[in-house]
Amino acid sequence: TAEELGVDVSQLRDSWFNMVKDTLTEATLEVPDINAWMHRGGK
């Protein structure tokens, strides 16, 4: 990201959540908390 070769993935979070929220709402499903605890380590 610093070299302007990649993507700042942290900046995609809100757009992704809005996309997911709209779909889950249409599917009559509960939208989970975006600030919930998350697994990490794969990278």
PDB file of all heavy atoms in Angstrom:
ATOM      1  N   THR A   1       0.836  -1.196   0.000  1.00  0.00           N
ATOM      2  CA  THR A   1       0.000   0.000   0.000  1.00  0.00           C
ATOM      3  C   THR A   1       0.871   1.247   0.000  1.00  0.00           C
ATOM      4  O   THR A   1       0.596   2.216  -0.723  1.00  0.00           O
ATOM      5  CB  THR A   1      -0.932   0.018   1.223  1.00  0.00           C
ATOM      6  OG1 THR A   1      -1.781  -1.134   1.180  1.00  0.00           O
ATOM      7  CG2 THR A   1      -1.798   1.274   1.235  1.00  0.00           C
ATOM      8  N   ALA A   2       1.937   1.222   0.797  1.00  0.00           N
ATOM      9  CA  ALA A   2       2.842   2.368   0.874  1.00  0.00           C
ATOM     10  C   ALA A   2       3.506   2.653  -0.471  1.00  0.00           C
ATOM     11  O   ALA A   2       3.783   3.808  -0.807  1.00  0.00           O
ATOM     12  CB  ALA A   2       3.905   2.115   1.943  1.00  0.00           C
ATOM     13  N   GLU A   3       3.736   1.604  -1.255  1.00  0.00           N
ATOM     14  CA  GLU A   3       4.374   1.757  -2.562  1.00  0.00           C
ATOM     15  C   GLU A   3       3.353   1.988  -3.680  1.00  0.00           C
ATOM     16  O   GLU A   3       3.715   2.047  -4.855  1.00  0.00           O
ATOM     17  CB  GLU A   3       5.207   0.511  -2.889  1.00  0.00           C
ATOM     18  CG  GLU A   3       6.370   0.284  -1.940  1.00  0.00           C
ATOM     19  CD  GLU A   3       7.138  -0.990  -2.275  1.00  0.00           C
ATOM     20  OE1 GLU A   3       7.254  -1.299  -3.484  1.00  0.00           O
ATOM     21  OE2 GLU A   3       7.617  -1.659  -1.342  1.00  0.00           O
ATOM     22  N   GLU A   4       2.068   2.079  -3.294  1.00  0.00           N
ATOM     23  CA  GLU A   4       0.967   2.282  -4.243  1.00  0.00           C
ATOM     24  C   GLU A   4       0.883   1.153  -5.266  1.00  0.00           C
ATOM     25  O   GLU A   4       0.507   1.350  -6.424  1.00  0.00           O
ATOM     26  CB  GLU A   4       1.107   3.641  -4.960  1.00  0.00           C
ATOM     27  CG  GLU A   4       1.034   4.820  -4.005  1.00  0.00           C
ATOM     28  CD  GLU A   4       1.072   6.154  -4.730  1.00  0.00           C
ATOM     29  OE1 GLU A   4       1.334   6.179  -5.944  1.00  0.00           O
ATOM     30  OE2 GLU A   4       0.817   7.178  -4.066  1.00  0.00           O
ATOM     31  N   LEU A   5       1.229  -0.039  -4.799  1.00  0.00           N
ATOM     32  CA  LEU A   5       1.148  -1.225  -5.650  1.00  0.00           C
ATOM     33  C   LEU A   5       0.001  -2.127  -5.230  1.00  0.00           C
ATOM     34  O   LEU A   5      -0.483  -2.933  -6.021  1.00  0.00           O
ATOM     35  CB  LEU A   5       2.466  -2.013  -5.590  1.00  0.00           C
ATOM     36  CG  LEU A   5       3.724  -1.277  -6.033  1.00  0.00           C
ATOM     37  CD1 LEU A   5       4.947  -2.168  -5.843  1.00  0.00           C
ATOM     38  CD2 LEU A   5       3.615  -0.845  -7.494  1.00  0.00           C
ATOM     39  N   GLY A   6      -0.430  -1.988  -3.978  1.00  0.00           N
ATOM     40  CA  GLY A   6      -1.479  -2.840  -3.442  1.00  0.00           C
ATOM     41  C   GLY A   6      -2.688  -2.066  -2.972  1.00  0.00           C
ATOM     42  O   GLY A   6      -2.855  -0.883  -3.291  1.00  0.00           O
ATOM     43  N   VAL A   7      -3.524  -2.743  -2.199  1.00  0.00           N
ATOM     44  CA  VAL A   7      -4.799  -2.180  -1.741  1.00  0.00           C
ATOM     45  C   VAL A   7      -4.785  -2.060  -0.225  1.00  0.00           C
ATOM     46  O   VAL A   7      -4.371  -2.997   0.472  1.00  0.00           O
ATOM     47  CB  VAL A   7      -5.976  -3.087  -2.175  1.00  0.00           C
ATOM     48  CG1 VAL A   7      -7.301  -2.536  -1.647  1.00  0.00           C
ATOM     49  CG2 VAL A   7      -6.004  -3.239  -3.687  1.00  0.00           C
ATOM     50  N   ASP A   8      -5.234  -0.932   0.289  1.00  0.00           N
ATOM     51  CA  ASP A   8      -5.400  -0.753   1.733  1.00  0.00           C
ATOM     52  C   ASP A   8      -6.704  -1.449   2.132  1.00  0.00           C
ATOM     53  O   ASP A   8      -7.786  -0.875   2.035  1.00  0.00           O
ATOM     54  CB  ASP A   8      -5.443   0.732   2.082  1.00  0.00           C
ATOM     55  CG  ASP A   8      -5.516   0.982   3.588  1.00  0.00           C
ATOM     56  OD1 ASP A   8      -5.685   0.001   4.343  1.00  0.00           O
ATOM     57  OD2 ASP A   8      -5.415   2.148   4.004  1.00  0.00           O
ATOM     58  N   VAL A   9      -6.596  -2.689   2.572  1.00  0.00           N
ATOM     59  CA  VAL A   9      -7.789  -3.500   2.833  1.00  0.00           C
ATOM     60  C   VAL A   9      -8.633  -2.932   3.969  1.00  0.00           C
ATOM     61  O   VAL A   9      -9.850  -3.144   4.012  1.00  0.00           O
ATOM     62  CB  VAL A   9      -7.414  -4.972   3.125  1.00  0.00           C
ATOM     63  CG1 VAL A   9      -6.858  -5.638   1.879  1.00  0.00           C
ATOM     64  CG2 VAL A   9      -6.430  -5.080   4.288  1.00  0.00           C
ATOM     65  N   SER A  10      -8.010  -2.211   4.883  1.00  0.00           N
ATOM     66  CA  SER A  10      -8.780  -1.650   5.995  1.00  0.00           C
ATOM     67  C   SER A  10      -9.807  -0.632   5.512  1.00  0.00           C
ATOM     68  O   SER A  10     -10.839  -0.424   6.163  1.00  0.00           O
ATOM     69  CB  SER A  10      -7.842  -0.989   7.009  1.00  0.00           C
ATOM     70  OG  SER A  10      -7.176   0.130   6.439  1.00  0.00           O
ATOM     71  N   GLN A  11      -9.558  -0.029   4.349  1.00  0.00           N
ATOM     72  CA  GLN A  11     -10.473   0.975   3.805  1.00  0.00           C
ATOM     73  C   GLN A  11     -11.673   0.349   3.089  1.00  0.00           C
ATOM     74  O   GLN A  11     -12.606   1.057   2.699  1.00  0.00           O
ATOM     75  CB  GLN A  11      -9.721   1.889   2.834  1.00  0.00           C
ATOM     76  CG  GLN A  11      -8.624   2.711   3.488  1.00  0.00           C
ATOM     77  CD  GLN A  11      -9.155   3.641   4.565  1.00  0.00           C
ATOM     78  OE1 GLN A  11     -10.115   4.376   4.347  1.00  0.00           O
ATOM     79  NE2 GLN A  11      -8.538   3.603   5.741  1.00  0.00           N
ATOM     80  N   LEU A  12     -11.662  -0.961   2.926  1.00  0.00           N
ATOM     81  CA  LEU A  12     -12.758  -1.646   2.236  1.00  0.00           C
ATOM     82  C   LEU A  12     -13.838  -2.120   3.205  1.00  0.00           C
ATOM     83  O   LEU A  12     -14.919  -2.534   2.782  1.00  0.00           O
ATOM     84  CB  LEU A  12     -12.221  -2.863   1.461  1.00  0.00           C
ATOM     85  CG  LEU A  12     -11.106  -2.608   0.450  1.00  0.00           C
ATOM     86  CD1 LEU A  12     -10.702  -3.925  -0.210  1.00  0.00           C
ATOM     87  CD2 LEU A  12     -11.522  -1.599  -0.595  1.00  0.00           C
ATOM     88  N   ARG A  13     -13.556  -2.042   4.480  1.00  0.00           N
ATOM     89  CA  ARG A  13     -14.425  -2.634   5.507  1.00  0.00           C
ATOM     90  C   ARG A  13     -15.844  -2.079   5.479  1.00  0.00           C
ATOM     91  O   ARG A  13     -16.823  -2.844   5.479  1.00  0.00           O
ATOM     92  CB  ARG A  13     -13.800  -2.410   6.871  1.00  0.00           C
ATOM     93  CG  ARG A  13     -14.532  -3.038   8.059  1.00  0.00           C
ATOM     94  CD  ARG A  13     -13.649  -2.911   9.288  1.00  0.00           C
ATOM     95  NE  ARG A  13     -14.297  -3.408  10.496  1.00  0.00           N
ATOM     96  CZ  ARG A  13     -14.792  -2.632  11.439  1.00  0.00           C
ATOM     97  NH1 ARG A  13     -14.767  -1.300  11.294  1.00  0.00           N
ATOM     98  NH2 ARG A  13     -15.343  -3.159  12.526  1.00  0.00           N
ATOM     99  N   ASP A  14     -15.990  -0.773   5.445  1.00  0.00           N
ATOM    100  CA  ASP A  14     -17.324  -0.177   5.507  1.00  0.00           C
ATOM    101  C   ASP A  14     -18.142  -0.486   4.256  1.00  0.00           C
ATOM    102  O   ASP A  14     -19.345  -0.793   4.351  1.00  0.00           O
ATOM    103  CB  ASP A  14     -17.218   1.337   5.700  1.00  0.00           C
ATOM    104  CG  ASP A  14     -16.730   1.710   7.096  1.00  0.00           C
ATOM    105  OD1 ASP A  14     -16.762   0.841   7.987  1.00  0.00           O
ATOM    106  OD2 ASP A  14     -16.295   2.868   7.289  1.00  0.00           O
ATOM    107  N   SER A  15     -17.509  -0.413   3.089  1.00  0.00           N
ATOM    108  CA  SER A  15     -18.220  -0.713   1.839  1.00  0.00           C
ATOM    109  C   SER A  15     -18.661  -2.164   1.815  1.00  0.00           C
ATOM    110  O   SER A  15     -19.777  -2.489   1.390  1.00  0.00           O
ATOM    111  CB  SER A  15     -17.321  -0.416   0.636  1.00  0.00           C
ATOM    112  OG  SER A  15     -17.019   0.958   0.555  1.00  0.00           O
ATOM    113  N   TRP A  16     -17.778  -3.048   2.290  1.00  0.00           N
ATOM    114  CA  TRP A  16     -18.112  -4.469   2.350  1.00  0.00           C
ATOM    115  C   TRP A  16     -19.285  -4.700   3.301  1.00  0.00           C
ATOM    116  O   TRP A  16     -20.235  -5.418   2.965  1.00  0.00           O
ATOM    117  CB  TRP A  16     -16.900  -5.263   2.819  1.00  0.00           C
ATOM    118  CG  TRP A  16     -17.131  -6.733   3.016  1.00  0.00           C
ATOM    119  CD1 TRP A  16     -17.028  -7.713   2.072  1.00  0.00           C
ATOM    120  CD2 TRP A  16     -17.513  -7.390   4.237  1.00  0.00           C
ATOM    121  NE1 TRP A  16     -17.308  -8.937   2.625  1.00  0.00           N
ATOM    122  CE2 TRP A  16     -17.610  -8.767   3.954  1.00  0.00           C
ATOM    123  CE3 TRP A  16     -17.766  -6.941   5.535  1.00  0.00           C
ATOM    124  CZ2 TRP A  16     -17.955  -9.712   4.925  1.00  0.00           C
ATOM    125  CZ3 TRP A  16     -18.117  -7.876   6.509  1.00  0.00           C
ATOM    126  CH2 TRP A  16     -18.206  -9.233   6.202  1.00  0.00           C
ATOM    127  N   PHE A  17     -19.236  -4.086   4.471  1.00  0.00           N
ATOM    128  CA  PHE A  17     -20.293  -4.285   5.459  1.00  0.00           C
ATOM    129  C   PHE A  17     -21.633  -3.789   4.923  1.00  0.00           C
ATOM    130  O   PHE A  17     -22.668  -4.451   5.121  1.00  0.00           O
ATOM    131  CB  PHE A  17     -19.955  -3.564   6.760  1.00  0.00           C
ATOM    132  CG  PHE A  17     -21.008  -3.732   7.822  1.00  0.00           C
ATOM    133  CD1 PHE A  17     -21.205  -4.959   8.442  1.00  0.00           C
ATOM    134  CD2 PHE A  17     -21.821  -2.668   8.188  1.00  0.00           C
ATOM    135  CE1 PHE A  17     -22.181  -5.122   9.416  1.00  0.00           C
ATOM    136  CE2 PHE A  17     -22.805  -2.821   9.150  1.00  0.00           C
ATOM    137  CZ  PHE A  17     -22.987  -4.054   9.773  1.00  0.00           C
ATOM    138  N   ASN A  18     -21.643  -2.653   4.263  1.00  0.00           N
ATOM    139  CA  ASN A  18     -22.891  -2.135   3.702  1.00  0.00           C
ATOM    140  C   ASN A  18     -23.458  -3.072   2.644  1.00  0.00           C
ATOM    141  O   ASN A  18     -24.674  -3.288   2.558  1.00  0.00           O
ATOM    142  CB  ASN A  18     -22.672  -0.741   3.113  1.00  0.00           C
ATOM    143  CG  ASN A  18     -22.458   0.314   4.195  1.00  0.00           C
ATOM    144  OD1 ASN A  18     -22.938   0.175   5.305  1.00  0.00           O
ATOM    145  ND2 ASN A  18     -21.704   1.353   3.864  1.00  0.00           N
ATOM    146  N   MET A  19     -22.578  -3.649   1.841  1.00  0.00           N
ATOM    147  CA  MET A  19     -22.993  -4.604   0.818  1.00  0.00           C
ATOM    148  C   MET A  19     -23.605  -5.848   1.461  1.00  0.00           C
ATOM    149  O   MET A  19     -24.665  -6.328   1.048  1.00  0.00           O
ATOM    150  CB  MET A  19     -21.782  -4.988  -0.048  1.00  0.00           C
ATOM    151  CG  MET A  19     -22.096  -5.802  -1.281  1.00  0.00           C
ATOM    152  SD  MET A  19     -20.572  -6.300  -2.161  1.00  0.00           S
ATOM    153  CE  MET A  19     -19.781  -4.704  -2.434  1.00  0.00           C
ATOM    154  N   VAL A  20     -22.933  -6.342   2.478  1.00  0.00           N
ATOM    155  CA  VAL A  20     -23.403  -7.534   3.186  1.00  0.00           C
ATOM    156  C   VAL A  20     -24.703  -7.240   3.931  1.00  0.00           C
ATOM    157  O   VAL A  20     -25.654  -8.036   3.909  1.00  0.00           O
ATOM    158  CB  VAL A  20     -22.314  -8.033   4.163  1.00  0.00           C
ATOM    159  CG1 VAL A  20     -22.874  -9.113   5.095  1.00  0.00           C
ATOM    160  CG2 VAL A  20     -21.119  -8.580   3.389  1.00  0.00           C
ATOM    161  N   LYS A  21     -24.760  -6.106   4.594  1.00  0.00           N
ATOM    162  CA  LYS A  21     -25.952  -5.729   5.364  1.00  0.00           C
ATOM    163  C   LYS A  21     -27.184  -5.655   4.475  1.00  0.00           C
ATOM    164  O   LYS A  21     -28.261  -6.158   4.835  1.00  0.00           O
ATOM    165  CB  LYS A  21     -25.723  -4.386   6.058  1.00  0.00           C
ATOM    166  CG  LYS A  21     -26.910  -3.895   6.881  1.00  0.00           C
ATOM    167  CD  LYS A  21     -26.586  -2.600   7.603  1.00  0.00           C
ATOM    168  CE  LYS A  21     -26.398  -1.456   6.611  1.00  0.00           C
ATOM    169  NZ  LYS A  21     -26.217  -0.145   7.306  1.00  0.00           N
ATOM    170  N   ASP A  22     -27.053  -5.034   3.300  1.00  0.00           N
ATOM    171  CA  ASP A  22     -28.193  -4.908   2.388  1.00  0.00           C
ATOM    172  C   ASP A  22     -28.694  -6.279   1.952  1.00  0.00           C
ATOM    173  O   ASP A  22     -29.911  -6.522   1.863  1.00  0.00           O
ATOM    174  CB  ASP A  22     -27.793  -4.082   1.161  1.00  0.00           C
ATOM    175  CG  ASP A  22     -27.586  -2.605   1.483  1.00  0.00           C
ATOM    176  OD1 ASP A  22     -28.008  -2.170   2.567  1.00  0.00           O
ATOM    177  OD2 ASP A  22     -26.980  -1.898   0.650  1.00  0.00           O
ATOM    178  N   THR A  23     -27.758  -7.184   1.685  1.00  0.00           N
ATOM    179  CA  THR A  23     -28.137  -8.525   1.241  1.00  0.00           C
ATOM    180  C   THR A  23     -28.796  -9.315   2.364  1.00  0.00           C
ATOM    181  O   THR A  23     -29.839  -9.962   2.158  1.00  0.00           O
ATOM    182  CB  THR A  23     -26.904  -9.281   0.722  1.00  0.00           C
ATOM    183  OG1 THR A  23     -26.349  -8.584  -0.397  1.00  0.00           O
ATOM    184  CG2 THR A  23     -27.274 -10.699   0.297  1.00  0.00           C
ATOM    185  N   LEU A  24     -28.219  -9.284   3.555  1.00  0.00           N
ATOM    186  CA  LEU A  24     -28.788 -10.022   4.677  1.00  0.00           C
ATOM    187  C   LEU A  24     -30.165  -9.482   5.063  1.00  0.00           C
ATOM    188  O   LEU A  24     -31.062 -10.256   5.424  1.00  0.00           O
ATOM    189  CB  LEU A  24     -27.849  -9.970   5.885  1.00  0.00           C
ATOM    190  CG  LEU A  24     -26.480 -10.635   5.718  1.00  0.00           C
ATOM    191  CD1 LEU A  24     -25.696 -10.601   7.027  1.00  0.00           C
ATOM    192  CD2 LEU A  24     -26.606 -12.073   5.222  1.00  0.00           C
ATOM    193  N   THR A  25     -30.323  -8.186   4.964  1.00  0.00           N
ATOM    194  CA  THR A  25     -31.621  -7.588   5.263  1.00  0.00           C
ATOM    195  C   THR A  25     -32.670  -8.072   4.268  1.00  0.00           C
ATOM    196  O   THR A  25     -33.793  -8.436   4.649  1.00  0.00           O
ATOM    197  CB  THR A  25     -31.537  -6.052   5.221  1.00  0.00           C
ATOM    198  OG1 THR A  25     -30.587  -5.610   6.197  1.00  0.00           O
ATOM    199  CG2 THR A  25     -32.889  -5.423   5.505  1.00  0.00           C
ATOM    200  N   GLU A  26     -32.292  -8.111   2.988  1.00  0.00           N
ATOM    201  CA  GLU A  26     -33.216  -8.604   1.969  1.00  0.00           C
ATOM    202  C   GLU A  26     -33.523 -10.077   2.179  1.00  0.00           C
ATOM    203  O   GLU A  26     -34.628 -10.547   1.870  1.00  0.00           O
ATOM    204  CB  GLU A  26     -32.624  -8.380   0.572  1.00  0.00           C
ATOM    205  CG  GLU A  26     -33.573  -8.736  -0.561  1.00  0.00           C
ATOM    206  CD  GLU A  26     -33.028  -8.374  -1.929  1.00  0.00           C
ATOM    207  OE1 GLU A  26     -32.003  -7.661  -2.002  1.00  0.00           O
ATOM    208  OE2 GLU A  26     -33.630  -8.811  -2.940  1.00  0.00           O
ATOM    209  N   ALA A  27     -32.568 -10.801   2.731  1.00  0.00           N
ATOM    210  CA  ALA A  27     -32.739 -12.233   2.984  1.00  0.00           C
ATOM    211  C   ALA A  27     -33.449 -12.501   4.309  1.00  0.00           C
ATOM    212  O   ALA A  27     -33.579 -13.667   4.707  1.00  0.00           O
ATOM    213  CB  ALA A  27     -31.391 -12.924   2.977  1.00  0.00           C
ATOM    214  N   THR A  28     -33.894 -11.454   4.977  1.00  0.00           N
ATOM    215  CA  THR A  28     -34.571 -11.537   6.284  1.00  0.00           C
ATOM    216  C   THR A  28     -33.696 -12.211   7.339  1.00  0.00           C
ATOM    217  O   THR A  28     -34.178 -12.947   8.189  1.00  0.00           O
ATOM    218  CB  THR A  28     -35.930 -12.272   6.201  1.00  0.00           C
ATOM    219  OG1 THR A  28     -35.717 -13.659   5.908  1.00  0.00           O
ATOM    220  CG2 THR A  28     -36.841 -11.651   5.142  1.00  0.00           C
ATOM    221  N   LEU A  29     -32.390 -11.934   7.257  1.00  0.00           N
ATOM    222  CA  LEU A  29     -31.436 -12.505   8.202  1.00  0.00           C
ATOM    223  C   LEU A  29     -30.876 -11.410   9.105  1.00  0.00           C
ATOM    224  O   LEU A  29     -30.744 -10.253   8.695  1.00  0.00           O
ATOM    225  CB  LEU A  29     -30.282 -13.174   7.448  1.00  0.00           C
ATOM    226  CG  LEU A  29     -30.630 -14.431   6.650  1.00  0.00           C
ATOM    227  CD1 LEU A  29     -29.540 -14.746   5.645  1.00  0.00           C
ATOM    228  CD2 LEU A  29     -30.846 -15.615   7.593  1.00  0.00           C
ATOM    229  N   GLU A  30     -30.539 -11.793  10.319  1.00  0.00           N
ATOM    230  CA  GLU A  30     -29.947 -10.848  11.268  1.00  0.00           C
ATOM    231  C   GLU A  30     -28.558 -10.439  10.799  1.00  0.00           C
ATOM    232  O   GLU A  30     -27.767 -11.271  10.339  1.00  0.00           O
ATOM    233  CB  GLU A  30     -29.865 -11.503  12.644  1.00  0.00           C
ATOM    234  CG  GLU A  30     -29.245 -10.635  13.720  1.00  0.00           C
ATOM    235  CD  GLU A  30     -29.132 -11.356  15.050  1.00  0.00           C
ATOM    236  OE1 GLU A  30     -29.719 -12.448  15.175  1.00  0.00           O
ATOM    237  OE2 GLU A  30     -28.452 -10.823  15.947  1.00  0.00           O
ATOM    238  N   VAL A  31     -28.255  -9.156  10.912  1.00  0.00           N
ATOM    239  CA  VAL A  31     -26.932  -8.648  10.529  1.00  0.00           C
ATOM    240  C   VAL A  31     -26.030  -8.683  11.758  1.00  0.00           C
ATOM    241  O   VAL A  31     -26.309  -8.000  12.748  1.00  0.00           O
ATOM    242  CB  VAL A  31     -27.023  -7.211   9.986  1.00  0.00           C
ATOM    243  CG1 VAL A  31     -25.639  -6.714   9.592  1.00  0.00           C
ATOM    244  CG2 VAL A  31     -27.993  -7.142   8.808  1.00  0.00           C
ATOM    245  N   PRO A  32     -24.946  -9.455  11.738  1.00  0.00           N
ATOM    246  CA  PRO A  32     -24.051  -9.533  12.907  1.00  0.00           C
ATOM    247  C   PRO A  32     -23.328  -8.210  13.163  1.00  0.00           C
ATOM    248  O   PRO A  32     -23.291  -7.325  12.299  1.00  0.00           O
ATOM    249  CB  PRO A  32     -23.064 -10.638  12.503  1.00  0.00           C
ATOM    250  CG  PRO A  32     -23.754 -11.415  11.431  1.00  0.00           C
ATOM    251  CD  PRO A  32     -24.570 -10.404  10.683  1.00  0.00           C
ATOM    252  N   ASP A  33     -22.723  -8.119  14.318  1.00  0.00           N
ATOM    253  CA  ASP A  33     -21.999  -6.920  14.727  1.00  0.00           C
ATOM    254  C   ASP A  33     -20.640  -6.865  14.029  1.00  0.00           C
ATOM    255  O   ASP A  33     -19.820  -7.780  14.183  1.00  0.00           O
ATOM    256  CB  ASP A  33     -21.808  -6.940  16.247  1.00  0.00           C
ATOM    257  CG  ASP A  33     -21.091  -5.704  16.776  1.00  0.00           C
ATOM    258  OD1 ASP A  33     -20.806  -4.789  15.977  1.00  0.00           O
ATOM    259  OD2 ASP A  33     -20.813  -5.675  17.987  1.00  0.00           O
ATOM    260  N   ILE A  34     -20.392  -5.803  13.292  1.00  0.00           N
ATOM    261  CA  ILE A  34     -19.124  -5.674  12.574  1.00  0.00           C
ATOM    262  C   ILE A  34     -17.955  -5.518  13.535  1.00  0.00           C
ATOM    263  O   ILE A  34     -16.804  -5.787  13.193  1.00  0.00           O
ATOM    264  CB  ILE A  34     -19.169  -4.486  11.577  1.00  0.00           C
ATOM    265  CG1 ILE A  34     -17.952  -4.535  10.637  1.00  0.00           C
ATOM    266  CG2 ILE A  34     -19.247  -3.170  12.329  1.00  0.00           C
ATOM    267  CD1 ILE A  34     -17.979  -3.498   9.547  1.00  0.00           C
ATOM    268  N   ASN A  35     -18.237  -5.084  14.762  1.00  0.00           N
ATOM    269  CA  ASN A  35     -17.175  -4.877  15.749  1.00  0.00           C
ATOM    270  C   ASN A  35     -16.995  -6.072  16.682  1.00  0.00           C
ATOM    271  O   ASN A  35     -16.293  -5.974  17.691  1.00  0.00           O
ATOM    272  CB  ASN A  35     -17.476  -3.621  16.577  1.00  0.00           C
ATOM    273  CG  ASN A  35     -17.458  -2.365  15.728  1.00  0.00           C
ATOM    274  OD1 ASN A  35     -16.538  -2.143  14.952  1.00  0.00           O
ATOM    275  ND2 ASN A  35     -18.490  -1.546  15.867  1.00  0.00           N
ATOM    276  N   ALA A  36     -17.615  -7.187  16.341  1.00  0.00           N
ATOM    277  CA  ALA A  36     -17.467  -8.393  17.153  1.00  0.00           C
ATOM    278  C   ALA A  36     -16.025  -8.904  17.088  1.00  0.00           C
ATOM    279  O   ALA A  36     -15.259  -8.554  16.178  1.00  0.00           O
ATOM    280  CB  ALA A  36     -18.432  -9.472  16.658  1.00  0.00           C
ATOM    281  N   TRP A  37     -15.646  -9.753  18.046  1.00  0.00           N
ATOM    282  CA  TRP A  37     -14.304 -10.345  18.052  1.00  0.00           C
ATOM    283  C   TRP A  37     -14.099 -11.190  16.798  1.00  0.00           C
ATOM    284  O   TRP A  37     -15.009 -11.865  16.333  1.00  0.00           O
ATOM    285  CB  TRP A  37     -14.130 -11.211  19.297  1.00  0.00           C
ATOM    286  CG  TRP A  37     -12.778 -11.861  19.354  1.00  0.00           C
ATOM    287  CD1 TRP A  37     -11.629 -11.335  19.847  1.00  0.00           C
ATOM    288  CD2 TRP A  37     -12.438 -13.176  18.870  1.00  0.00           C
ATOM    289  NE1 TRP A  37     -10.590 -12.222  19.713  1.00  0.00           N
ATOM    290  CE2 TRP A  37     -11.061 -13.355  19.119  1.00  0.00           C
ATOM    291  CE3 TRP A  37     -13.171 -14.194  18.255  1.00  0.00           C
ATOM    292  CZ2 TRP A  37     -10.395 -14.535  18.780  1.00  0.00           C
ATOM    293  CZ3 TRP A  37     -12.515 -15.365  17.910  1.00  0.00           C
ATOM    294  CH2 TRP A  37     -11.145 -15.532  18.176  1.00  0.00           C
ATOM    295  N   MET A  38     -12.894 -11.130  16.231  1.00  0.00           N
ATOM    296  CA  MET A  38     -12.599 -11.832  14.985  1.00  0.00           C
ATOM    297  C   MET A  38     -11.345 -12.700  15.113  1.00  0.00           C
ATOM    298  O   MET A  38     -10.388 -12.338  15.792  1.00  0.00           O
ATOM    299  CB  MET A  38     -12.384 -10.827  13.849  1.00  0.00           C
ATOM    300  CG  MET A  38     -13.595  -9.973  13.519  1.00  0.00           C
ATOM    301  SD  MET A  38     -14.880 -10.934  12.669  1.00  0.00           S
ATOM    302  CE  MET A  38     -16.198  -9.697  12.545  1.00  0.00           C
ATOM    303  N   HIS A  39     -11.369 -13.836  14.427  1.00  0.00           N
ATOM    304  CA  HIS A  39     -10.179 -14.678  14.311  1.00  0.00           C
ATOM    305  C   HIS A  39      -9.162 -14.001  13.388  1.00  0.00           C
ATOM    306  O   HIS A  39      -9.532 -13.253  12.489  1.00  0.00           O
ATOM    307  CB  HIS A  39     -10.531 -16.042  13.701  1.00  0.00           C
ATOM    308  CG  HIS A  39     -11.409 -16.895  14.545  1.00  0.00           C
ATOM    309  ND1 HIS A  39     -10.945 -17.602  15.636  1.00  0.00           N
ATOM    310  CD2 HIS A  39     -12.741 -17.173  14.463  1.00  0.00           C
ATOM    311  CE1 HIS A  39     -11.932 -18.277  16.186  1.00  0.00           C
ATOM    312  NE2 HIS A  39     -13.042 -18.037  15.497  1.00  0.00           N
ATOM    313  N   ARG A  40      -7.896 -14.313  13.612  1.00  0.00           N
ATOM    314  CA  ARG A  40      -6.856 -13.826  12.713  1.00  0.00           C
ATOM    315  C   ARG A  40      -5.664 -14.775  12.777  1.00  0.00           C
ATOM    316  O   ARG A  40      -5.619 -15.686  13.604  1.00  0.00           O
ATOM    317  CB  ARG A  40      -6.417 -12.415  13.116  1.00  0.00           C
ATOM    318  CG  ARG A  40      -5.758 -12.322  14.492  1.00  0.00           C
ATOM    319  CD  ARG A  40      -5.386 -10.885  14.814  1.00  0.00           C
ATOM    320  NE  ARG A  40      -4.551 -10.312  13.778  1.00  0.00           N
ATOM    321  CZ  ARG A  40      -4.310  -9.001  13.667  1.00  0.00           C
ATOM    322  NH1 ARG A  40      -4.852  -8.152  14.511  1.00  0.00           N
ATOM    323  NH2 ARG A  40      -3.528  -8.547  12.712  1.00  0.00           N
ATOM    324  N   GLY A  41      -4.710 -14.579  11.882  1.00  0.00           N
ATOM    325  CA  GLY A  41      -3.494 -15.386  11.910  1.00  0.00           C
ATOM    326  C   GLY A  41      -3.142 -16.034  10.590  1.00  0.00           C
ATOM    327  O   GLY A  41      -1.986 -16.392  10.355  1.00  0.00           O
ATOM    328  N   GLY A  42      -4.118 -16.224   9.705  1.00  0.00           N
ATOM    329  CA  GLY A  42      -3.849 -16.918   8.449  1.00  0.00           C
ATOM    330  C   GLY A  42      -2.786 -16.245   7.599  1.00  0.00           C
ATOM    331  O   GLY A  42      -1.927 -16.912   7.009  1.00  0.00           O
ATOM    332  N   LYS A  43      -2.811 -14.928   7.548  1.00  0.00           N
ATOM    333  CA  LYS A  43      -1.840 -14.197   6.733  1.00  0.00           C
ATOM    334  C   LYS A  43      -0.417 -14.345   7.279  1.00  0.00           C
ATOM    335  O   LYS A  43       0.554 -14.124   6.557  1.00  0.00           O
ATOM    336  CB  LYS A  43      -2.206 -12.718   6.670  1.00  0.00           C
ATOM    337  CG  LYS A  43      -3.473 -12.412   5.884  1.00  0.00           C
ATOM    338  CD  LYS A  43      -3.749 -10.918   5.849  1.00  0.00           C
ATOM    339  CE  LYS A  43      -4.997 -10.601   5.039  1.00  0.00           C
ATOM    340  NZ  LYS A  43      -5.272  -9.139   4.988  1.00  0.00           N
TER     341      LYS A  43
END
